[in-house]
Amino acid sequence: MSEEIEVITTPKKSSKKSKLILSIVFDLIGMLSYIVPGYAESIDIVWAPVSFLLLRKMYKGKIGEVASVIGFIEEAFPFIDIIPTFTITWIYKYLIKKEE
């Protein structure tokens, strides 16, 4: 007997608060590479495309497109992946542009 498993990747209505929490968590994940010296670059090679996809999925439209490219570049190049791209994108979208 097989059971169907439904995986929900994004809620139908994503609140600003949940996006802020996810943004902070994803920024912290991106900064984890500094904890393990010597492995930072290999971790960033994996995290750069993941952060690209997450930014594009979380923030739709032009904001997500621009943020995902910036996030990829920021994670791919050494020593600049300390920038909290996810959180900055959230601030831009909800505090500066004041979107709902």
PDB file of N, CA and C in Angstrom:
ATOM      1  N   MET A   1       0.835  -1.165   0.000  1.00  0.00           N
ATOM      2  CA  MET A   1       0.000   0.000   0.000  1.00  0.00           C
ATOM      3  C   MET A   1       0.894   1.248   0.000  1.00  0.00           C
ATOM      4  N   SER A   2       0.712   2.062  -0.979  1.00  0.00           N
ATOM      5  CA  SER A   2       1.552   3.264  -1.045  1.00  0.00           C
ATOM      6  C   SER A   2       0.752   4.483  -0.616  1.00  0.00           C
ATOM      7  N   GLU A   3       1.438   5.370   0.037  1.00  0.00           N
ATOM      8  CA  GLU A   3       0.805   6.609   0.478  1.00  0.00           C
ATOM      9  C   GLU A   3       1.407   7.769  -0.300  1.00  0.00           C
ATOM     10  N   GLU A   4       0.569   8.733  -0.597  1.00  0.00           N
ATOM     11  CA  GLU A   4       1.064   9.923  -1.268  1.00  0.00           C
ATOM     12  C   GLU A   4       1.556  10.907  -0.222  1.00  0.00           C
ATOM     13  N   ILE A   5       2.711  11.464  -0.476  1.00  0.00           N
ATOM     14  CA  ILE A   5       3.275  12.454   0.439  1.00  0.00           C
ATOM     15  C   ILE A   5       3.302  13.789  -0.279  1.00  0.00           C
ATOM     16  N   GLU A   6       2.635  14.739   0.300  1.00  0.00           N
ATOM     17  CA  GLU A   6       2.593  16.073  -0.289  1.00  0.00           C
ATOM     18  C   GLU A   6       3.577  16.974   0.448  1.00  0.00           C
ATOM     19  N   VAL A   7       4.468  17.571  -0.301  1.00  0.00           N
ATOM     20  CA  VAL A   7       5.445  18.477   0.278  1.00  0.00           C
ATOM     21  C   VAL A   7       5.083  19.896  -0.121  1.00  0.00           C
ATOM     22  N   ILE A   8       4.918  20.729   0.857  1.00  0.00           N
ATOM     23  CA  ILE A   8       4.578  22.120   0.591  1.00  0.00           C
ATOM     24  C   ILE A   8       5.862  22.940   0.679  1.00  0.00           C
ATOM     25  N   THR A   9       6.247  23.513  -0.435  1.00  0.00           N
ATOM     26  CA  THR A   9       7.481  24.283  -0.450  1.00  0.00           C
ATOM     27  C   THR A   9       7.264  25.739  -0.104  1.00  0.00           C
ATOM     28  N   THR A  10       6.122  26.280  -0.489  1.00  0.00           N
ATOM     29  CA  THR A  10       5.801  27.655  -0.133  1.00  0.00           C
ATOM     30  C   THR A  10       4.336  27.737   0.247  1.00  0.00           C
ATOM     31  N   PRO A  11       4.071  28.436   1.335  1.00  0.00           N
ATOM     32  CA  PRO A  11       2.666  28.595   1.700  1.00  0.00           C
ATOM     33  C   PRO A  11       1.939  29.443   0.667  1.00  0.00           C
ATOM     34  N   LYS A  12       0.601  29.251   0.570  1.00  0.00           N
ATOM     35  CA  LYS A  12      -0.169  29.997  -0.422  1.00  0.00           C
ATOM     36  C   LYS A  12      -0.124  31.492  -0.148  1.00  0.00           C
ATOM     37  N   LYS A  13      -0.206  31.865   1.116  1.00  0.00           N
ATOM     38  CA  LYS A  13      -0.076  33.268   1.481  1.00  0.00           C
ATOM     39  C   LYS A  13       1.115  33.389   2.408  1.00  0.00           C
ATOM     40  N   SER A  14       2.179  33.926   1.923  1.00  0.00           N
ATOM     41  CA  SER A  14       3.380  34.066   2.719  1.00  0.00           C
ATOM     42  C   SER A  14       3.368  35.425   3.403  1.00  0.00           C
ATOM     43  N   SER A  15       3.440  35.417   4.693  1.00  0.00           N
ATOM     44  CA  SER A  15       3.400  36.675   5.424  1.00  0.00           C
ATOM     45  C   SER A  15       4.764  37.346   5.418  1.00  0.00           C
ATOM     46  N   LYS A  16       4.735  38.625   5.666  1.00  0.00           N
ATOM     47  CA  LYS A  16       5.979  39.391   5.741  1.00  0.00           C
ATOM     48  C   LYS A  16       6.852  38.858   6.866  1.00  0.00           C
ATOM     49  N   LYS A  17       6.234  38.522   7.985  1.00  0.00           N
ATOM     50  CA  LYS A  17       6.998  38.048   9.135  1.00  0.00           C
ATOM     51  C   LYS A  17       7.703  36.727   8.829  1.00  0.00           C
ATOM     52  N   SER A  18       7.007  35.802   8.187  1.00  0.00           N
ATOM     53  CA  SER A  18       7.637  34.518   7.866  1.00  0.00           C
ATOM     54  C   SER A  18       8.759  34.692   6.855  1.00  0.00           C
ATOM     55  N   LYS A  19       8.590  35.607   5.908  1.00  0.00           N
ATOM     56  CA  LYS A  19       9.666  35.869   4.945  1.00  0.00           C
ATOM     57  C   LYS A  19      10.867  36.505   5.631  1.00  0.00           C
ATOM     58  N   LEU A  20      10.609  37.363   6.621  1.00  0.00           N
ATOM     59  CA  LEU A  20      11.721  37.972   7.355  1.00  0.00           C
ATOM     60  C   LEU A  20      12.491  36.916   8.129  1.00  0.00           C
ATOM     61  N   ILE A  21      11.780  36.026   8.796  1.00  0.00           N
ATOM     62  CA  ILE A  21      12.438  34.959   9.555  1.00  0.00           C
ATOM     63  C   ILE A  21      13.238  34.060   8.627  1.00  0.00           C
ATOM     64  N   LEU A  22      12.642  33.660   7.506  1.00  0.00           N
ATOM     65  CA  LEU A  22      13.370  32.829   6.540  1.00  0.00           C
ATOM     66  C   LEU A  22      14.582  33.567   5.985  1.00  0.00           C
ATOM     67  N   SER A  23      14.439  34.854   5.721  1.00  0.00           N
ATOM     68  CA  SER A  23      15.556  35.638   5.185  1.00  0.00           C
ATOM     69  C   SER A  23      16.719  35.662   6.161  1.00  0.00           C
ATOM     70  N   ILE A  24      16.429  35.859   7.428  1.00  0.00           N
ATOM     71  CA  ILE A  24      17.490  35.874   8.444  1.00  0.00           C
ATOM     72  C   ILE A  24      18.149  34.500   8.547  1.00  0.00           C
ATOM     73  N   VAL A  25      17.339  33.452   8.549  1.00  0.00           N
ATOM     74  CA  VAL A  25      17.883  32.086   8.629  1.00  0.00           C
ATOM     75  C   VAL A  25      18.772  31.792   7.422  1.00  0.00           C
ATOM     76  N   PHE A  26      18.315  32.137   6.209  1.00  0.00           N
ATOM     77  CA  PHE A  26      19.108  31.871   5.014  1.00  0.00           C
ATOM     78  C   PHE A  26      20.401  32.689   5.004  1.00  0.00           C
ATOM     79  N   ASP A  27      20.356  33.925   5.508  1.00  0.00           N
ATOM     80  CA  ASP A  27      21.584  34.718   5.611  1.00  0.00           C
ATOM     81  C   ASP A  27      22.559  34.081   6.601  1.00  0.00           C
ATOM     82  N   LEU A  28      22.045  33.570   7.691  1.00  0.00           N
ATOM     83  CA  LEU A  28      22.908  32.890   8.658  1.00  0.00           C
ATOM     84  C   LEU A  28      23.521  31.621   8.064  1.00  0.00           C
ATOM     85  N   ILE A  29      22.748  30.887   7.286  1.00  0.00           N
ATOM     86  CA  ILE A  29      23.278  29.705   6.609  1.00  0.00           C
ATOM     87  C   ILE A  29      24.411  30.111   5.668  1.00  0.00           C
ATOM     88  N   GLY A  30      24.223  31.197   4.940  1.00  0.00           N
ATOM     89  CA  GLY A  30      25.258  31.677   4.029  1.00  0.00           C
ATOM     90  C   GLY A  30      26.528  32.098   4.748  1.00  0.00           C
ATOM     91  N   MET A  31      26.392  32.544   5.987  1.00  0.00           N
ATOM     92  CA  MET A  31      27.556  32.978   6.762  1.00  0.00           C
ATOM     93  C   MET A  31      28.216  31.833   7.531  1.00  0.00           C
ATOM     94  N   LEU A  32      27.583  30.669   7.561  1.00  0.00           N
ATOM     95  CA  LEU A  32      28.140  29.521   8.273  1.00  0.00           C
ATOM     96  C   LEU A  32      29.487  29.078   7.717  1.00  0.00           C
ATOM     97  N   SER A  33      29.746  29.390   6.476  1.00  0.00           N
ATOM     98  CA  SER A  33      31.001  28.954   5.868  1.00  0.00           C
ATOM     99  C   SER A  33      32.214  29.545   6.580  1.00  0.00           C
ATOM    100  N   TYR A  34      32.031  30.645   7.295  1.00  0.00           N
ATOM    101  CA  TYR A  34      33.148  31.240   8.029  1.00  0.00           C
ATOM    102  C   TYR A  34      33.496  30.466   9.294  1.00  0.00           C
ATOM    103  N   ILE A  35      32.614  29.604   9.749  1.00  0.00           N
ATOM    104  CA  ILE A  35      32.861  28.838  10.970  1.00  0.00           C
ATOM    105  C   ILE A  35      33.893  27.746  10.729  1.00  0.00           C
ATOM    106  N   VAL A  36      33.871  27.142   9.562  1.00  0.00           N
ATOM    107  CA  VAL A  36      34.771  26.034   9.248  1.00  0.00           C
ATOM    108  C   VAL A  36      35.856  26.518   8.285  1.00  0.00           C
ATOM    109  N   PRO A  37      37.020  26.915   8.815  1.00  0.00           N
ATOM    110  CA  PRO A  37      38.096  27.400   7.934  1.00  0.00           C
ATOM    111  C   PRO A  37      38.547  26.309   6.966  1.00  0.00           C
ATOM    112  N   GLY A  38      38.844  26.711   5.751  1.00  0.00           N
ATOM    113  CA  GLY A  38      39.305  25.777   4.738  1.00  0.00           C
ATOM    114  C   GLY A  38      38.195  25.189   3.889  1.00  0.00           C
ATOM    115  N   TYR A  39      36.997  25.133   4.425  1.00  0.00           N
ATOM    116  CA  TYR A  39      35.867  24.586   3.696  1.00  0.00           C
ATOM    117  C   TYR A  39      34.929  25.669   3.171  1.00  0.00           C
ATOM    118  N   ALA A  40      35.243  26.899   3.485  1.00  0.00           N
ATOM    119  CA  ALA A  40      34.355  28.010   3.140  1.00  0.00           C
ATOM    120  C   ALA A  40      34.043  28.055   1.646  1.00  0.00           C
ATOM    121  N   GLU A  41      35.067  27.934   0.821  1.00  0.00           N
ATOM    122  CA  GLU A  41      34.844  28.035  -0.623  1.00  0.00           C
ATOM    123  C   GLU A  41      34.017  26.877  -1.160  1.00  0.00           C
ATOM    124  N   SER A  42      34.251  25.680  -0.655  1.00  0.00           N
ATOM    125  CA  SER A  42      33.468  24.540  -1.144  1.00  0.00           C
ATOM    126  C   SER A  42      32.011  24.638  -0.695  1.00  0.00           C
ATOM    127  N   ILE A  43      31.777  25.150   0.497  1.00  0.00           N
ATOM    128  CA  ILE A  43      30.411  25.352   0.972  1.00  0.00           C
ATOM    129  C   ILE A  43      29.725  26.419   0.122  1.00  0.00           C
ATOM    130  N   ASP A  44      30.460  27.492  -0.187  1.00  0.00           N
ATOM    131  CA  ASP A  44      29.891  28.583  -0.987  1.00  0.00           C
ATOM    132  C   ASP A  44      29.567  28.150  -2.408  1.00  0.00           C
ATOM    133  N   ILE A  45      30.330  27.218  -2.954  1.00  0.00           N
ATOM    134  CA  ILE A  45      30.048  26.713  -4.304  1.00  0.00           C
ATOM    135  C   ILE A  45      28.679  26.048  -4.340  1.00  0.00           C
ATOM    136  N   VAL A  46      28.331  25.369  -3.276  1.00  0.00           N
ATOM    137  CA  VAL A  46      27.025  24.714  -3.190  1.00  0.00           C
ATOM    138  C   VAL A  46      25.937  25.731  -2.843  1.00  0.00           C
ATOM    139  N   TRP A  47      26.226  26.630  -1.903  1.00  0.00           N
ATOM    140  CA  TRP A  47      25.213  27.558  -1.421  1.00  0.00           C
ATOM    141  C   TRP A  47      24.864  28.645  -2.438  1.00  0.00           C
ATOM    142  N   ALA A  48      25.784  29.050  -3.288  1.00  0.00           N
ATOM    143  CA  ALA A  48      25.516  30.130  -4.254  1.00  0.00           C
ATOM    144  C   ALA A  48      24.314  29.819  -5.151  1.00  0.00           C
ATOM    145  N   PRO A  49      24.253  28.674  -5.816  1.00  0.00           N
ATOM    146  CA  PRO A  49      23.069  28.405  -6.651  1.00  0.00           C
ATOM    147  C   PRO A  49      21.799  28.169  -5.820  1.00  0.00           C
ATOM    148  N   VAL A  50      21.957  27.620  -4.626  1.00  0.00           N
ATOM    149  CA  VAL A  50      20.795  27.415  -3.763  1.00  0.00           C
ATOM    150  C   VAL A  50      20.209  28.769  -3.362  1.00  0.00           C
ATOM    151  N   SER A  51      21.071  29.700  -2.958  1.00  0.00           N
ATOM    152  CA  SER A  51      20.576  31.026  -2.564  1.00  0.00           C
ATOM    153  C   SER A  51      19.945  31.746  -3.757  1.00  0.00           C
ATOM    154  N   PHE A  52      20.505  31.540  -4.947  1.00  0.00           N
ATOM    155  CA  PHE A  52      19.928  32.105  -6.165  1.00  0.00           C
ATOM    156  C   PHE A  52      18.478  31.643  -6.328  1.00  0.00           C
ATOM    157  N   LEU A  53      18.265  30.342  -6.222  1.00  0.00           N
ATOM    158  CA  LEU A  53      16.922  29.779  -6.402  1.00  0.00           C
ATOM    159  C   LEU A  53      15.963  30.206  -5.287  1.00  0.00           C
ATOM    160  N   LEU A  54      16.458  30.236  -4.060  1.00  0.00           N
ATOM    161  CA  LEU A  54      15.604  30.638  -2.943  1.00  0.00           C
ATOM    162  C   LEU A  54      15.171  32.099  -3.051  1.00  0.00           C
ATOM    163  N   LEU A  55      16.094  32.974  -3.405  1.00  0.00           N
ATOM    164  CA  LEU A  55      15.759  34.385  -3.564  1.00  0.00           C
ATOM    165  C   LEU A  55      14.729  34.577  -4.672  1.00  0.00           C
ATOM    166  N   ARG A  56      14.918  33.871  -5.762  1.00  0.00           N
ATOM    167  CA  ARG A  56      13.992  33.993  -6.892  1.00  0.00           C
ATOM    168  C   ARG A  56      12.597  33.473  -6.516  1.00  0.00           C
ATOM    169  N   LYS A  57      12.542  32.414  -5.718  1.00  0.00           N
ATOM    170  CA  LYS A  57      11.262  31.836  -5.320  1.00  0.00           C
ATOM    171  C   LYS A  57      10.570  32.681  -4.250  1.00  0.00           C
ATOM    172  N   MET A  58      11.332  33.214  -3.310  1.00  0.00           N
ATOM    173  CA  MET A  58      10.753  34.000  -2.213  1.00  0.00           C
ATOM    174  C   MET A  58      10.260  35.365  -2.664  1.00  0.00           C
ATOM    175  N   TYR A  59      11.030  36.000  -3.528  1.00  0.00           N
ATOM    176  CA  TYR A  59      10.717  37.368  -3.950  1.00  0.00           C
ATOM    177  C   TYR A  59      10.465  37.376  -5.453  1.00  0.00           C
ATOM    178  N   LYS A  60       9.223  37.359  -5.806  1.00  0.00           N
ATOM    179  CA  LYS A  60       8.826  37.284  -7.221  1.00  0.00           C
ATOM    180  C   LYS A  60       9.074  38.602  -7.941  1.00  0.00           C
ATOM    181  N   GLY A  61       9.083  38.533  -9.251  1.00  0.00           N
ATOM    182  CA  GLY A  61       9.190  39.732 -10.077  1.00  0.00           C
ATOM    183  C   GLY A  61      10.607  40.256 -10.201  1.00  0.00           C
ATOM    184  N   LYS A  62      10.698  41.517 -10.548  1.00  0.00           N
ATOM    185  CA  LYS A  62      11.989  42.158 -10.799  1.00  0.00           C
ATOM    186  C   LYS A  62      12.875  42.154  -9.557  1.00  0.00           C
ATOM    187  N   ILE A  63      12.259  42.362  -8.381  1.00  0.00           N
ATOM    188  CA  ILE A  63      13.035  42.367  -7.140  1.00  0.00           C
ATOM    189  C   ILE A  63      13.725  41.021  -6.943  1.00  0.00           C
ATOM    190  N   GLY A  64      13.017  39.937  -7.155  1.00  0.00           N
ATOM    191  CA  GLY A  64      13.591  38.603  -7.003  1.00  0.00           C
ATOM    192  C   GLY A  64      14.658  38.299  -8.037  1.00  0.00           C
ATOM    193  N   GLU A  65      14.440  38.772  -9.259  1.00  0.00           N
ATOM    194  CA  GLU A  65      15.428  38.544 -10.319  1.00  0.00           C
ATOM    195  C   GLU A  65      16.750  39.240  -9.995  1.00  0.00           C
ATOM    196  N   VAL A  66      16.661  40.497  -9.604  1.00  0.00           N
ATOM    197  CA  VAL A  66      17.870  41.265  -9.287  1.00  0.00           C
ATOM    198  C   VAL A  66      18.537  40.712  -8.037  1.00  0.00           C
ATOM    199  N   ALA A  67      17.746  40.450  -6.998  1.00  0.00           N
ATOM    200  CA  ALA A  67      18.298  39.944  -5.742  1.00  0.00           C
ATOM    201  C   ALA A  67      18.966  38.588  -5.921  1.00  0.00           C
ATOM    202  N   SER A  68      18.383  37.725  -6.740  1.00  0.00           N
ATOM    203  CA  SER A  68      18.970  36.398  -6.934  1.00  0.00           C
ATOM    204  C   SER A  68      20.329  36.473  -7.622  1.00  0.00           C
ATOM    205  N   VAL A  69      20.475  37.362  -8.579  1.00  0.00           N
ATOM    206  CA  VAL A  69      21.775  37.526  -9.247  1.00  0.00           C
ATOM    207  C   VAL A  69      22.796  38.105  -8.269  1.00  0.00           C
ATOM    208  N   ILE A  70      22.390  39.122  -7.522  1.00  0.00           N
ATOM    209  CA  ILE A  70      23.299  39.715  -6.530  1.00  0.00           C
ATOM    210  C   ILE A  70      23.676  38.681  -5.478  1.00  0.00           C
ATOM    211  N   GLY A  71      22.688  37.898  -5.011  1.00  0.00           N
ATOM    212  CA  GLY A  71      22.956  36.859  -4.025  1.00  0.00           C
ATOM    213  C   GLY A  71      23.909  35.802  -4.537  1.00  0.00           C
ATOM    214  N   PHE A  72      23.751  35.412  -5.788  1.00  0.00           N
ATOM    215  CA  PHE A  72      24.660  34.420  -6.376  1.00  0.00           C
ATOM    216  C   PHE A  72      26.084  34.957  -6.428  1.00  0.00           C
ATOM    217  N   ILE A  73      26.237  36.171  -6.913  1.00  0.00           N
ATOM    218  CA  ILE A  73      27.571  36.785  -7.004  1.00  0.00           C
ATOM    219  C   ILE A  73      28.185  36.932  -5.623  1.00  0.00           C
ATOM    220  N   GLU A  74      27.364  37.395  -4.687  1.00  0.00           N
ATOM    221  CA  GLU A  74      27.847  37.609  -3.316  1.00  0.00           C
ATOM    222  C   GLU A  74      28.326  36.305  -2.688  1.00  0.00           C
ATOM    223  N   GLU A  75      27.638  35.217  -2.918  1.00  0.00           N
ATOM    224  CA  GLU A  75      28.043  33.926  -2.353  1.00  0.00           C
ATOM    225  C   GLU A  75      29.183  33.276  -3.139  1.00  0.00           C
ATOM    226  N   ALA A  76      29.253  33.522  -4.425  1.00  0.00           N
ATOM    227  CA  ALA A  76      30.258  32.866  -5.255  1.00  0.00           C
ATOM    228  C   ALA A  76      31.655  33.441  -5.065  1.00  0.00           C
ATOM    229  N   PHE A  77      31.740  34.729  -4.760  1.00  0.00           N
ATOM    230  CA  PHE A  77      33.050  35.354  -4.588  1.00  0.00           C
ATOM    231  C   PHE A  77      33.444  35.371  -3.119  1.00  0.00           C
ATOM    232  N   PRO A  78      34.706  35.072  -2.832  1.00  0.00           N
ATOM    233  CA  PRO A  78      35.145  35.023  -1.440  1.00  0.00           C
ATOM    234  C   PRO A  78      35.147  36.402  -0.780  1.00  0.00           C
ATOM    235  N   PHE A  79      34.955  36.370   0.533  1.00  0.00           N
ATOM    236  CA  PHE A  79      35.058  37.539   1.424  1.00  0.00           C
ATOM    237  C   PHE A  79      33.926  38.549   1.300  1.00  0.00           C
ATOM    238  N   ILE A  80      32.977  38.373   0.386  1.00  0.00           N
ATOM    239  CA  ILE A  80      31.839  39.298   0.359  1.00  0.00           C
ATOM    240  C   ILE A  80      30.541  38.599   0.736  1.00  0.00           C
ATOM    241  N   ASP A  81      30.640  37.308   1.079  1.00  0.00           N
ATOM    242  CA  ASP A  81      29.413  36.589   1.417  1.00  0.00           C
ATOM    243  C   ASP A  81      28.948  36.855   2.850  1.00  0.00           C
ATOM    244  N   ILE A  82      29.453  37.894   3.443  1.00  0.00           N
ATOM    245  CA  ILE A  82      28.986  38.321   4.756  1.00  0.00           C
ATOM    246  C   ILE A  82      27.787  39.264   4.626  1.00  0.00           C
ATOM    247  N   ILE A  83      27.531  39.728   3.405  1.00  0.00           N
ATOM    248  CA  ILE A  83      26.416  40.649   3.143  1.00  0.00           C
ATOM    249  C   ILE A  83      25.095  39.881   3.277  1.00  0.00           C
ATOM    250  N   PRO A  84      24.152  40.359   4.093  1.00  0.00           N
ATOM    251  CA  PRO A  84      22.876  39.659   4.282  1.00  0.00           C
ATOM    252  C   PRO A  84      21.876  39.968   3.154  1.00  0.00           C
ATOM    253  N   THR A  85      22.078  39.366   2.015  1.00  0.00           N
ATOM    254  CA  THR A  85      21.292  39.658   0.819  1.00  0.00           C
ATOM    255  C   THR A  85      19.796  39.389   1.008  1.00  0.00           C
ATOM    256  N   PHE A  86      19.456  38.285   1.647  1.00  0.00           N
ATOM    257  CA  PHE A  86      18.041  37.954   1.852  1.00  0.00           C
ATOM    258  C   PHE A  86      17.353  39.035   2.687  1.00  0.00           C
ATOM    259  N   THR A  87      17.993  39.427   3.784  1.00  0.00           N
ATOM    260  CA  THR A  87      17.399  40.418   4.684  1.00  0.00           C
ATOM    261  C   THR A  87      17.344  41.788   4.027  1.00  0.00           C
ATOM    262  N   ILE A  88      18.363  42.146   3.290  1.00  0.00           N
ATOM    263  CA  ILE A  88      18.358  43.424   2.577  1.00  0.00           C
ATOM    264  C   ILE A  88      17.228  43.446   1.547  1.00  0.00           C
ATOM    265  N   THR A  89      17.004  42.325   0.880  1.00  0.00           N
ATOM    266  CA  THR A  89      15.910  42.236  -0.090  1.00  0.00           C
ATOM    267  C   THR A  89      14.567  42.410   0.608  1.00  0.00           C
ATOM    268  N   TRP A  90      14.408  41.784   1.770  1.00  0.00           N
ATOM    269  CA  TRP A  90      13.165  41.939   2.532  1.00  0.00           C
ATOM    270  C   TRP A  90      12.968  43.409   2.916  1.00  0.00           C
ATOM    271  N   ILE A  91      14.010  44.052   3.410  1.00  0.00           N
ATOM    272  CA  ILE A  91      13.931  45.465   3.797  1.00  0.00           C
ATOM    273  C   ILE A  91      13.553  46.315   2.598  1.00  0.00           C
ATOM    274  N   TYR A  92      14.174  46.054   1.465  1.00  0.00           N
ATOM    275  CA  TYR A  92      13.864  46.827   0.258  1.00  0.00           C
ATOM    276  C   TYR A  92      12.397  46.652  -0.144  1.00  0.00           C
ATOM    277  N   LYS A  93      11.948  45.398  -0.157  1.00  0.00           N
ATOM    278  CA  LYS A  93      10.589  45.116  -0.629  1.00  0.00           C
ATOM    279  C   LYS A  93       9.514  45.650   0.313  1.00  0.00           C
ATOM    280  N   TYR A  94       9.676  45.439   1.605  1.00  0.00           N
ATOM    281  CA  TYR A  94       8.601  45.753   2.538  1.00  0.00           C
ATOM    282  C   TYR A  94       8.746  47.090   3.274  1.00  0.00           C
ATOM    283  N   LEU A  95       9.956  47.601   3.411  1.00  0.00           N
ATOM    284  CA  LEU A  95      10.115  48.862   4.118  1.00  0.00           C
ATOM    285  C   LEU A  95      10.379  50.034   3.192  1.00  0.00           C
ATOM    286  N   ILE A  96      11.163  49.811   2.152  1.00  0.00           N
ATOM    287  CA  ILE A  96      11.472  50.893   1.225  1.00  0.00           C
ATOM    288  C   ILE A  96      10.380  51.021   0.154  1.00  0.00           C
ATOM    289  N   LYS A  97      10.072  49.928  -0.541  1.00  0.00           N
ATOM    290  CA  LYS A  97       9.029  49.947  -1.579  1.00  0.00           C
ATOM    291  C   LYS A  97       7.632  49.857  -0.971  1.00  0.00           C
ATOM    292  N   LYS A  98       7.548  49.392   0.256  1.00  0.00           N
ATOM    293  CA  LYS A  98       6.286  49.258   1.006  1.00  0.00           C
ATOM    294  C   LYS A  98       5.246  48.413   0.272  1.00  0.00           C
ATOM    295  N   GLU A  99       5.696  47.262  -0.227  1.00  0.00           N
ATOM    296  CA  GLU A  99       4.765  46.323  -0.866  1.00  0.00           C
ATOM    297  C   GLU A  99       4.123  45.449   0.200  1.00  0.00           C
ATOM    298  N   GLU A 100       2.969  44.940  -0.119  1.00  0.00           N
ATOM    299  CA  GLU A 100       2.252  44.033   0.799  1.00  0.00           C
ATOM    300  C   GLU A 100       2.356  42.621   0.314  1.00  0.00           C
TER     301      GLU A 100
END
